[in-house]
Amino acid sequence: MTYEHGTIDSALAAVAGDEPAVIQDLRRAFVEGVTHVLEVMHLAENGQEWREAALRLKGLAASVNALPLMTLAAQAAERDGRDAALLDQIGKLVARL
């Protein structure tokens, strides 16, 4: 997962410049946002809620070039509803952020 951290940090550094504290704050906000969307996916009551959350997750991942997370989120957005196995994969990836 080192590569993923490096990719995210590089994307955040492009926004924040050489400001480690700002990069850390942005990273924290990203992880909190992703964690919240993951919770929404767990609670999705129908296919529309699931897809909307998955697309939100895909957008968040794309904003920091987190390609593995973006790929899983895109797969989730193609589902008609909650996919427990895919949700588990996403959760494991998010836990490593």
Protein backbone atom coordinates (compact mmCIF):
# COMPACT_ATOMS: atom_id res chain seq x y z
CA MET A 1 0.00 0.00 0.00
CA THR A 2 3.02 2.29 0.05
CA TYR A 3 2.42 3.09 -3.60
CA GLU A 4 -1.14 4.14 -2.84
CA HIS A 5 -0.02 6.41 -0.01
CA GLY A 6 2.60 7.95 -2.27
CA THR A 7 0.07 8.51 -5.03
CA ILE A 8 -2.41 10.15 -2.70
CA ASP A 9 0.26 12.28 -1.06
CA SER A 10 1.58 13.35 -4.47
CA ALA A 11 -1.89 14.41 -5.57
CA LEU A 12 -2.42 16.32 -2.33
CA ALA A 13 1.01 17.95 -2.60
CA ALA A 14 0.07 19.19 -6.06
CA VAL A 15 -2.79 21.07 -4.42
CA ALA A 16 -1.14 22.12 -1.15
CA GLY A 17 2.44 22.64 -2.29
CA ASP A 18 5.23 22.08 0.19
CA GLU A 19 3.04 22.35 3.27
CA PRO A 20 3.16 19.06 5.22
CA ALA A 21 0.51 20.18 7.70
CA VAL A 22 -1.91 21.10 4.92
CA ILE A 23 -1.22 17.80 3.13
CA GLN A 24 -1.94 15.94 6.37
CA ASP A 25 -5.19 17.86 6.86
CA LEU A 26 -6.27 17.12 3.30
CA ARG A 27 -5.37 13.44 3.72
CA ARG A 28 -7.42 13.29 6.92
CA ALA A 29 -10.39 14.93 5.19
CA PHE A 30 -10.10 12.49 2.29
CA VAL A 31 -10.04 9.45 4.58
CA GLU A 32 -12.99 10.80 6.58
CA GLY A 33 -14.96 11.41 3.39
CA VAL A 34 -14.21 7.97 2.01
CA THR A 35 -15.09 6.35 5.34
CA HIS A 36 -18.41 8.21 5.42
CA VAL A 37 -19.29 7.11 1.88
CA LEU A 38 -18.40 3.53 2.78
CA GLU A 39 -20.85 3.74 5.70
CA VAL A 40 -23.53 5.06 3.33
CA MET A 41 -22.88 2.10 1.04
CA HIS A 42 -23.32 -0.28 3.98
CA LEU A 43 -26.66 1.37 4.78
CA ALA A 44 -27.94 1.66 1.21
CA GLU A 45 -31.53 0.47 1.09
CA ASN A 46 -31.85 0.24 -2.67
CA GLY A 47 -29.87 0.16 -5.88
CA GLN A 48 -30.09 3.90 -6.46
CA GLU A 49 -28.62 4.75 -3.04
CA TRP A 50 -25.89 2.15 -3.60
CA ARG A 51 -24.96 3.53 -7.05
CA GLU A 52 -24.98 7.15 -5.88
CA ALA A 53 -22.65 6.32 -2.99
CA ALA A 54 -20.40 4.26 -5.26
CA LEU A 55 -20.16 7.14 -7.73
CA ARG A 56 -19.35 9.52 -4.86
CA LEU A 57 -16.60 7.15 -3.78
CA LYS A 58 -15.29 6.91 -7.33
CA GLY A 59 -15.13 10.72 -7.52
CA LEU A 60 -13.30 11.00 -4.22
CA ALA A 61 -10.80 8.35 -5.31
CA ALA A 62 -10.29 10.04 -8.67
CA SER A 63 -9.62 13.37 -6.98
CA VAL A 64 -6.43 11.96 -5.43
CA ASN A 65 -5.58 9.42 -8.15
CA ALA A 66 -6.32 6.42 -5.88
CA LEU A 67 -6.71 4.05 -8.81
CA PRO A 68 -7.41 0.77 -6.95
CA LEU A 69 -10.18 2.44 -4.94
CA MET A 70 -11.54 4.16 -8.03
CA THR A 71 -11.65 0.84 -9.89
CA LEU A 72 -13.57 -0.91 -7.10
CA ALA A 73 -15.96 2.02 -6.79
CA ALA A 74 -16.62 1.92 -10.54
CA GLN A 75 -17.37 -1.79 -10.29
CA ALA A 76 -19.75 -1.09 -7.41
CA ALA A 77 -21.54 1.60 -9.40
CA GLU A 78 -22.30 -0.96 -12.11
CA ARG A 79 -24.15 -3.22 -9.64
CA ASP A 80 -27.92 -3.12 -9.20
CA GLY A 81 -27.58 -3.09 -5.44
CA ARG A 82 -25.39 -3.92 -2.50
CA ASP A 83 -22.64 -6.43 -3.23
CA ALA A 84 -21.26 -7.77 0.05
CA ALA A 85 -18.07 -9.21 -1.45
CA LEU A 86 -17.24 -5.98 -3.27
CA LEU A 87 -18.10 -3.95 -0.19
CA ASP A 88 -15.68 -6.09 1.79
CA GLN A 89 -12.92 -5.46 -0.77
CA ILE A 90 -13.55 -1.73 -0.65
CA GLY A 91 -13.57 -1.79 3.16
CA LYS A 92 -10.20 -3.54 3.27
CA LEU A 93 -8.72 -1.02 0.88
CA VAL A 94 -10.13 1.92 2.84
CA ALA A 95 -8.77 0.48 6.09
CA ARG A 96 -5.27 0.64 4.60
CA LEU A 97 -5.53 4.30 3.69
